[in-house]
Amino acid sequence: MAAKLTIRDIARLAGVSKSTVSRVLNAHPKVDAETRERVLAVMQEHGFVPNAAATGLAKGRGRLIGFLVPALTWELVSDVLQGAASVFEDSQYEIILYSASPEKDFSQVIDRILAANMVAGILALLHTQSPRHLIELHRQGLPVVLINHIAARVDLPQVGIDNVAATEKAIRHLLELGHRRIGFIRGLPEIQCTHDRYEGYCKALQAAELSLDPSLVLQGDYRCEGGYECAQQFFSMAEPPTAIFASNDLTAYGVLDAAIKYEVRVPEDVAVVGFDDIAPSIHVHPALTTVHHPFREMGRSAAQLLLSLIQGDNTLDADDANLPISALPAGNESPRILLPTHLVVRESCGAAQGFAIDAPVSL
């Protein structure tokens, strides 16, 4: 049985963009008569039947934006949501939230969104869930944008950061402070950003002509408990690291707790750097040096990108909608936006006063 054609297939066969096919399906007036006839002829020739739910949503019958989020208690949700809301407040659209926590059947959440037949597009802030349902909807013409998708690399419009470059900059900072034995606590192995941050660590060491010491790399779990256990191992070494990079701030909090138990002074005996710059990081003692993850800016940029897709524009450039696009789509690839990060230097790394990088530094 032949595979079912998607809107992307019809676009390729007709020699037009996917958004043009979507506009033809939705009787958009911007499509000229000749192009419309060509697209319709290709559809008829190949017996193309568009997904009724997806095309119905794309017609703008509703003015809602479906926003998929993990548990609402997840630390970053509030900032991302506020960033997106700042864009939609000035538009005709409103946000409706759907929880997509790992404990729930993700496909059922998608079915509820489609059954409502009211959303014009979807923003998805996922964690470890597979986006395969969203990929299918995207192929059928429903605008979808992923935010900070850390589980795997997929061909969907998305907004994120360069985890490799961000980590490399943090490790370079420690090297500039004179550290040569830098411990690294990895995150969960099934998440792509874990490997990206480890790659940044390795690149920084290589650039400094330092050999990788496997004993200085331990497996964490992005939780305080994992950071605590890894720090215990580091502090028990005959030659412990003089600095520790934790793959997220929660892991770094565990390191700080272990330092108190083992009477290890931070930053005098060991420097500590985290990743994310979540709200508590400035209030722990000592205040945590960390990579600022621009969650609010991600929500704002994702909302701008989704609006441009809803309006049928997939020919984005760096000036469209003020989007900070650093990686534009090549050929039929989906647009990917990488936002700049910066290192927030606080007490935990022991940098001399005046050394701190207070202003955002693009990577």
Foldseek 3Di string as FASTA:
>chain_A
DDDAAFLCNLCVVLVHASLLSLCLLLVNPVDDPVSSVSSVVSCVVVVHDFDPLLSLLLNQQAQEEEEEDAPPPPQLPVLLVLLQVVVCVPDSHYYDYDHQHPVDDNVVSVVVVSVVSHHNAYEYEDEQDDCVVVVRSVRSQRQYEYEQQFQDDDQHHYEFAQLLQLLLVVLLVLVVVPFQLEAEEFADPRTNSSVSNVNSNVVNCVVVVHDDDVQRYHYAHPALVRLLVVLVSQVPDPDHGLEYEYAAVRSQNNNVVNCVVSVNDFNVRYFYEHEDCGPCQVVDVPRHWYKHTNSSNRSNLRSQVSVCVSVSDLPDDCPRSVHNFPDHDDDNGHGYRHDFIAIADTRRRPDDPVPGDHDGDGD
